[in-house]
Amino acid sequence: MAEIKYGATGRRKTSIAQVNITPGTGKITVNKKPIDTYFPRETLRMIIRQPFELIGATGKHDTTASVKGGGATGQAGAVRLGISRALIKMDSDLRLKLKKEGFLTRDPREVERKKYGLKGARKRFQFSKR
């Protein structure tokens, strides 16, 4: 008998995460590494575990994520969105609970591009009257 697998994609900033959830013991793997190795900061690990804690399924599902692009914070946010979407595919009754907490909302904020003649996107060089 084949193992039941639910997959989804999550995005945040410039990060893209492909997430697969299977019934298991609660092991989370990111880019073939344990979550503790890939995300050394506890806050990022907490962000990833939030959907499971909300629905009370901590330790019931194995998660594998393939993430690319962006930095650690963006990648953690992308994995969280992917997990939330995969949980909905698994059980559509969870949608209301996850939506209420904002786990299904794709954060649209992106880095604004640098403009020519300026130091950054908006910062200008110091103005001198004389």
N, C-alpha and C. Protein backbone atom coordinates (compact mmCIF):
# COMPACT_ATOMS: atom_id res chain seq x y z
N MET A 1 0.84 -1.19 0.00
CA MET A 1 0.00 0.00 0.00
C MET A 1 0.87 1.25 0.00
N ALA A 2 0.54 2.21 -0.84
CA ALA A 2 1.33 3.44 -0.96
C ALA A 2 1.06 4.37 0.22
N GLU A 3 2.10 5.10 0.57
CA GLU A 3 2.00 6.08 1.65
C GLU A 3 1.23 7.30 1.17
N ILE A 4 0.32 7.82 1.96
CA ILE A 4 -0.46 9.00 1.58
C ILE A 4 0.41 10.23 1.78
N LYS A 5 0.53 11.03 0.70
CA LYS A 5 1.39 12.20 0.75
C LYS A 5 0.61 13.41 0.25
N TYR A 6 0.68 14.51 1.00
CA TYR A 6 0.01 15.75 0.62
C TYR A 6 1.08 16.80 0.38
N GLY A 7 1.03 17.45 -0.78
CA GLY A 7 2.05 18.43 -1.12
C GLY A 7 1.46 19.79 -1.39
N ALA A 8 2.27 20.82 -1.17
CA ALA A 8 1.84 22.20 -1.44
C ALA A 8 3.07 23.09 -1.60
N THR A 9 2.85 24.25 -2.17
CA THR A 9 3.93 25.23 -2.38
C THR A 9 3.67 26.45 -1.52
N GLY A 10 4.73 26.97 -0.89
CA GLY A 10 4.63 28.20 -0.12
C GLY A 10 5.66 29.20 -0.61
N ARG A 11 5.31 30.47 -0.58
CA ARG A 11 6.25 31.52 -1.00
C ARG A 11 6.27 32.66 0.01
N ARG A 12 7.45 33.26 0.18
CA ARG A 12 7.58 34.46 1.01
C ARG A 12 8.82 35.20 0.55
N LYS A 13 8.71 36.51 0.33
CA LYS A 13 9.79 37.33 -0.23
C LYS A 13 10.28 36.66 -1.51
N THR A 14 11.54 36.21 -1.57
CA THR A 14 12.00 35.54 -2.79
C THR A 14 12.21 34.05 -2.58
N SER A 15 11.67 33.51 -1.49
CA SER A 15 11.82 32.09 -1.17
C SER A 15 10.64 31.29 -1.69
N ILE A 16 10.95 30.08 -2.16
CA ILE A 16 9.91 29.16 -2.62
C ILE A 16 10.14 27.82 -1.92
N ALA A 17 9.09 27.28 -1.31
CA ALA A 17 9.18 26.01 -0.60
C ALA A 17 8.19 25.00 -1.15
N GLN A 18 8.68 23.81 -1.49
CA GLN A 18 7.84 22.68 -1.87
C GLN A 18 7.73 21.80 -0.63
N VAL A 19 6.55 21.62 -0.09
CA VAL A 19 6.36 20.91 1.17
C VAL A 19 5.52 19.66 0.95
N ASN A 20 5.95 18.55 1.56
CA ASN A 20 5.19 17.29 1.54
C ASN A 20 4.95 16.84 2.96
N ILE A 21 3.71 16.43 3.24
CA ILE A 21 3.34 15.95 4.58
C ILE A 21 2.86 14.51 4.46
N THR A 22 3.38 13.65 5.34
CA THR A 22 2.95 12.26 5.41
C THR A 22 2.65 11.92 6.86
N PRO A 23 1.77 10.97 7.13
CA PRO A 23 1.54 10.55 8.52
C PRO A 23 2.84 9.98 9.10
N GLY A 24 3.16 10.35 10.34
CA GLY A 24 4.41 9.89 10.92
C GLY A 24 4.60 10.30 12.36
N THR A 25 5.85 10.63 12.69
CA THR A 25 6.22 10.86 14.09
C THR A 25 6.51 12.32 14.42
N GLY A 26 6.37 13.23 13.46
CA GLY A 26 6.62 14.65 13.74
C GLY A 26 7.99 15.13 13.31
N LYS A 27 8.68 14.35 12.48
CA LYS A 27 10.02 14.73 12.01
C LYS A 27 9.89 15.76 10.89
N ILE A 28 10.63 16.87 11.02
CA ILE A 28 10.61 17.90 9.98
C ILE A 28 12.00 17.97 9.35
N THR A 29 12.05 17.82 8.02
CA THR A 29 13.30 17.86 7.28
C THR A 29 13.23 18.98 6.25
N VAL A 30 14.26 19.82 6.23
CA VAL A 30 14.33 20.92 5.27
C VAL A 30 15.61 20.75 4.45
N ASN A 31 15.47 20.65 3.14
CA ASN A 31 16.59 20.42 2.22
C ASN A 31 17.46 19.24 2.68
N LYS A 32 16.82 18.14 3.04
CA LYS A 32 17.45 16.89 3.47
C LYS A 32 18.27 17.02 4.76
N LYS A 33 18.00 18.07 5.54
CA LYS A 33 18.66 18.25 6.83
C LYS A 33 17.58 18.36 7.90
N PRO A 34 17.88 17.93 9.14
CA PRO A 34 16.90 18.12 10.22
C PRO A 34 16.65 19.61 10.45
N ILE A 35 15.46 19.95 10.91
CA ILE A 35 15.08 21.36 11.10
C ILE A 35 16.04 22.09 12.04
N ASP A 36 16.55 21.38 13.07
CA ASP A 36 17.46 22.02 14.03
C ASP A 36 18.78 22.41 13.40
N THR A 37 19.21 21.66 12.39
CA THR A 37 20.46 21.97 11.70
C THR A 37 20.26 23.09 10.69
N TYR A 38 19.16 23.00 9.92
CA TYR A 38 18.93 23.98 8.85
C TYR A 38 18.55 25.36 9.38
N PHE A 39 17.69 25.39 10.42
CA PHE A 39 17.30 26.65 11.04
C PHE A 39 17.83 26.68 12.47
N PRO A 40 19.01 27.25 12.72
CA PRO A 40 19.57 27.25 14.07
C PRO A 40 18.80 28.15 15.06
N ARG A 41 18.08 29.17 14.55
CA ARG A 41 17.34 30.06 15.44
C ARG A 41 16.01 29.45 15.85
N GLU A 42 15.74 29.49 17.14
CA GLU A 42 14.51 28.90 17.69
C GLU A 42 13.26 29.58 17.15
N THR A 43 13.34 30.89 16.92
CA THR A 43 12.16 31.63 16.43
C THR A 43 11.72 31.10 15.06
N LEU A 44 12.69 30.78 14.20
CA LEU A 44 12.35 30.27 12.87
C LEU A 44 11.74 28.87 12.96
N ARG A 45 12.26 28.04 13.85
CA ARG A 45 11.68 26.70 14.05
C ARG A 45 10.27 26.82 14.61
N MET A 46 10.05 27.80 15.48
CA MET A 46 8.73 28.03 16.06
C MET A 46 7.73 28.43 14.97
N ILE A 47 8.16 29.30 14.05
CA ILE A 47 7.30 29.74 12.94
C ILE A 47 6.85 28.54 12.12
N ILE A 48 7.77 27.63 11.85
CA ILE A 48 7.45 26.46 11.03
C ILE A 48 6.48 25.52 11.74
N ARG A 49 6.61 25.38 13.06
CA ARG A 49 5.76 24.45 13.81
C ARG A 49 4.37 25.02 14.14
N GLN A 50 4.16 26.32 13.96
CA GLN A 50 2.91 26.96 14.34
C GLN A 50 1.65 26.29 13.79
N PRO A 51 1.58 25.93 12.50
CA PRO A 51 0.34 25.30 12.00
C PRO A 51 0.01 23.99 12.72
N PHE A 52 1.02 23.18 13.01
CA PHE A 52 0.79 21.91 13.71
C PHE A 52 0.30 22.14 15.13
N GLU A 53 0.90 23.13 15.82
CA GLU A 53 0.49 23.44 17.19
C GLU A 53 -0.94 23.97 17.23
N LEU A 54 -1.30 24.76 16.23
CA LEU A 54 -2.64 25.34 16.18
C LEU A 54 -3.72 24.26 16.07
N ILE A 55 -3.48 23.28 15.22
CA ILE A 55 -4.50 22.24 15.01
C ILE A 55 -4.35 21.07 15.99
N GLY A 56 -3.31 21.13 16.81
CA GLY A 56 -3.10 20.08 17.81
C GLY A 56 -2.59 18.78 17.22
N ALA A 57 -1.78 18.88 16.16
CA ALA A 57 -1.25 17.69 15.49
C ALA A 57 0.27 17.60 15.62
N THR A 58 0.82 18.16 16.70
CA THR A 58 2.26 18.12 16.89
C THR A 58 2.69 16.66 17.09
N GLY A 59 3.66 16.22 16.28
CA GLY A 59 4.17 14.86 16.39
C GLY A 59 3.35 13.81 15.67
N LYS A 60 2.43 14.22 14.80
CA LYS A 60 1.60 13.25 14.08
C LYS A 60 1.93 13.15 12.60
N HIS A 61 2.72 14.12 12.08
CA HIS A 61 3.02 14.14 10.65
C HIS A 61 4.51 14.37 10.42
N ASP A 62 5.07 13.66 9.44
CA ASP A 62 6.43 13.91 8.99
C ASP A 62 6.36 14.92 7.85
N THR A 63 7.27 15.88 7.87
CA THR A 63 7.28 16.94 6.88
C THR A 63 8.63 17.00 6.19
N THR A 64 8.61 17.04 4.87
CA THR A 64 9.85 17.27 4.12
C THR A 64 9.62 18.51 3.26
N ALA A 65 10.60 19.41 3.30
CA ALA A 65 10.49 20.65 2.54
C ALA A 65 11.74 20.86 1.71
N SER A 66 11.55 21.32 0.49
CA SER A 66 12.65 21.70 -0.38
C SER A 66 12.53 23.19 -0.61
N VAL A 67 13.50 23.95 -0.10
CA VAL A 67 13.41 25.41 -0.13
C VAL A 67 14.57 25.99 -0.92
N LYS A 68 14.27 27.04 -1.72
CA LYS A 68 15.35 27.74 -2.40
C LYS A 68 15.04 29.22 -2.47
N GLY A 69 16.09 30.02 -2.54
CA GLY A 69 15.95 31.46 -2.67
C GLY A 69 15.76 32.17 -1.34
N GLY A 70 16.15 33.43 -1.31
CA GLY A 70 15.93 34.27 -0.13
C GLY A 70 16.81 33.91 1.05
N GLY A 71 16.45 34.45 2.21
CA GLY A 71 17.19 34.22 3.43
C GLY A 71 16.42 33.32 4.38
N ALA A 72 16.93 33.20 5.59
CA ALA A 72 16.35 32.27 6.56
C ALA A 72 14.92 32.63 6.93
N THR A 73 14.63 33.91 7.17
CA THR A 73 13.28 34.32 7.58
C THR A 73 12.27 34.07 6.47
N GLY A 74 12.63 34.42 5.24
CA GLY A 74 11.74 34.20 4.10
C GLY A 74 11.49 32.72 3.87
N GLN A 75 12.54 31.91 4.04
CA GLN A 75 12.39 30.47 3.85
C GLN A 75 11.48 29.86 4.91
N ALA A 76 11.64 30.30 6.15
CA ALA A 76 10.78 29.78 7.23
C ALA A 76 9.32 30.15 6.97
N GLY A 77 9.07 31.37 6.52
CA GLY A 77 7.71 31.80 6.19
C GLY A 77 7.12 31.01 5.04
N ALA A 78 7.97 30.71 4.05
CA ALA A 78 7.51 29.93 2.89
C ALA A 78 7.15 28.51 3.30
N VAL A 79 7.95 27.91 4.19
CA VAL A 79 7.68 26.56 4.67
C VAL A 79 6.37 26.54 5.46
N ARG A 80 6.16 27.56 6.30
CA ARG A 80 4.92 27.62 7.09
C ARG A 80 3.69 27.68 6.18
N LEU A 81 3.75 28.51 5.14
CA LEU A 81 2.62 28.61 4.21
C LEU A 81 2.41 27.29 3.49
N GLY A 82 3.49 26.64 3.08
CA GLY A 82 3.39 25.34 2.42
C GLY A 82 2.76 24.28 3.31
N ILE A 83 3.17 24.26 4.58
CA ILE A 83 2.61 23.31 5.54
C ILE A 83 1.12 23.56 5.72
N SER A 84 0.75 24.82 5.86
CA SER A 84 -0.67 25.18 6.06
C SER A 84 -1.52 24.74 4.87
N ARG A 85 -1.01 24.98 3.67
CA ARG A 85 -1.76 24.59 2.46
C ARG A 85 -1.87 23.08 2.34
N ALA A 86 -0.81 22.37 2.71
CA ALA A 86 -0.83 20.91 2.64
C ALA A 86 -1.81 20.33 3.67
N LEU A 87 -1.87 20.95 4.85
CA LEU A 87 -2.81 20.48 5.88
C LEU A 87 -4.25 20.62 5.40
N ILE A 88 -4.53 21.67 4.64
CA ILE A 88 -5.87 21.87 4.12
C ILE A 88 -6.23 20.80 3.09
N LYS A 89 -5.24 20.41 2.28
CA LYS A 89 -5.47 19.33 1.31
C LYS A 89 -5.79 18.03 2.05
N MET A 90 -5.14 17.86 3.21
CA MET A 90 -5.34 16.67 4.02
C MET A 90 -6.73 16.67 4.66
N ASP A 91 -7.12 17.83 5.23
CA ASP A 91 -8.41 17.95 5.91
C ASP A 91 -8.95 19.36 5.69
N SER A 92 -9.96 19.49 4.84
CA SER A 92 -10.50 20.81 4.49
C SER A 92 -11.21 21.51 5.65
N ASP A 93 -11.52 20.79 6.72
CA ASP A 93 -12.17 21.40 7.88
C ASP A 93 -11.23 22.33 8.65
N LEU A 94 -9.92 22.17 8.43
CA LEU A 94 -8.93 22.99 9.14
C LEU A 94 -8.80 24.39 8.55
N ARG A 95 -9.38 24.59 7.36
CA ARG A 95 -9.21 25.86 6.65
C ARG A 95 -9.60 27.08 7.49
N LEU A 96 -10.74 27.04 8.13
CA LEU A 96 -11.24 28.18 8.90
C LEU A 96 -10.27 28.55 10.03
N LYS A 97 -9.80 27.53 10.73
CA LYS A 97 -8.90 27.75 11.86
C LYS A 97 -7.55 28.35 11.40
N LEU A 98 -6.99 27.81 10.31
CA LEU A 98 -5.72 28.30 9.79
C LEU A 98 -5.87 29.70 9.18
N LYS A 99 -7.00 29.93 8.52
CA LYS A 99 -7.26 31.23 7.89
C LYS A 99 -7.38 32.32 8.96
N LYS A 100 -8.04 31.99 10.07
CA LYS A 100 -8.25 32.95 11.15
C LYS A 100 -6.91 33.42 11.74
N GLU A 101 -5.94 32.53 11.83
CA GLU A 101 -4.62 32.86 12.36
C GLU A 101 -3.72 33.53 11.31
N GLY A 102 -4.15 33.56 10.05
CA GLY A 102 -3.39 34.22 9.00
C GLY A 102 -2.31 33.35 8.37
N PHE A 103 -2.40 32.03 8.57
CA PHE A 103 -1.38 31.13 8.03
C PHE A 103 -1.58 30.83 6.55
N LEU A 104 -2.74 31.19 6.00
CA LEU A 104 -3.00 30.93 4.59
C LEU A 104 -2.81 32.16 3.72
N THR A 105 -2.45 33.27 4.33
CA THR A 105 -2.26 34.52 3.59
C THR A 105 -0.83 34.60 3.09
N ARG A 106 -0.67 34.76 1.79
CA ARG A 106 0.65 34.91 1.19
C ARG A 106 1.09 36.34 1.45
N ASP A 107 2.18 36.54 2.20
CA ASP A 107 2.68 37.87 2.51
C ASP A 107 3.18 38.52 1.23
N PRO A 108 2.52 39.57 0.72
CA PRO A 108 2.88 40.13 -0.58
C PRO A 108 4.08 41.08 -0.57
N ARG A 109 4.62 41.37 0.61
CA ARG A 109 5.71 42.35 0.67
C ARG A 109 6.98 41.84 0.02
N GLU A 110 7.52 42.66 -0.87
CA GLU A 110 8.77 42.35 -1.55
C GLU A 110 9.71 43.53 -1.39
N VAL A 111 11.00 43.31 -1.62
CA VAL A 111 11.98 44.39 -1.50
C VAL A 111 11.79 45.35 -2.66
N GLU A 112 11.74 46.64 -2.35
CA GLU A 112 11.60 47.67 -3.38
C GLU A 112 12.93 47.86 -4.08
N ARG A 113 12.91 48.05 -5.38
CA ARG A 113 14.15 48.17 -6.14
C ARG A 113 14.85 49.50 -5.87
N LYS A 114 16.17 49.47 -6.04
CA LYS A 114 16.98 50.68 -5.89
C LYS A 114 16.73 51.57 -7.10
N LYS A 115 16.58 52.88 -6.86
CA LYS A 115 16.37 53.83 -7.94
C LYS A 115 17.70 54.51 -8.31
N TYR A 116 17.84 54.85 -9.57
CA TYR A 116 19.06 55.52 -10.01
C TYR A 116 19.12 56.92 -9.41
N GLY A 117 20.33 57.38 -9.10
CA GLY A 117 20.52 58.71 -8.51
C GLY A 117 20.28 58.73 -7.00
N LEU A 118 19.91 57.60 -6.41
CA LEU A 118 19.68 57.52 -4.97
C LEU A 118 20.60 56.46 -4.36
N LYS A 119 20.68 56.50 -3.02
CA LYS A 119 21.51 55.52 -2.32
C LYS A 119 20.86 54.14 -2.27
N GLY A 120 19.53 54.15 -2.16
CA GLY A 120 18.78 52.89 -2.09
C GLY A 120 17.45 53.06 -2.77
N ALA A 121 16.42 52.39 -2.26
CA ALA A 121 15.10 52.51 -2.86
C ALA A 121 14.55 53.92 -2.64
N ARG A 122 14.76 54.47 -1.43
CA ARG A 122 14.24 55.80 -1.11
C ARG A 122 15.26 56.74 -0.50
N LYS A 123 16.31 56.21 0.12
CA LYS A 123 17.29 57.06 0.78
C LYS A 123 18.04 57.90 -0.25
N ARG A 124 18.22 59.17 0.11
CA ARG A 124 18.90 60.09 -0.80
C ARG A 124 20.25 60.49 -0.24
N PHE A 125 21.08 61.08 -1.09
CA PHE A 125 22.34 61.63 -0.63
C PHE A 125 22.06 62.92 0.12
N GLN A 126 22.96 63.29 1.05
CA GLN A 126 22.73 64.46 1.87
C GLN A 126 22.65 65.72 1.01
N PHE A 127 21.62 66.55 1.29
CA PHE A 127 21.42 67.79 0.55
C PHE A 127 22.25 68.90 1.17
N SER A 128 22.97 69.64 0.34
CA SER A 128 23.77 70.75 0.81
C SER A 128 23.33 72.02 0.08
N LYS A 129 22.89 73.00 0.86
CA LYS A 129 22.39 74.24 0.25
C LYS A 129 23.54 75.10 -0.31
N ARG A 130 24.68 75.09 0.41
CA ARG A 130 25.83 75.90 -0.04
C ARG A 130 27.06 75.04 -0.25
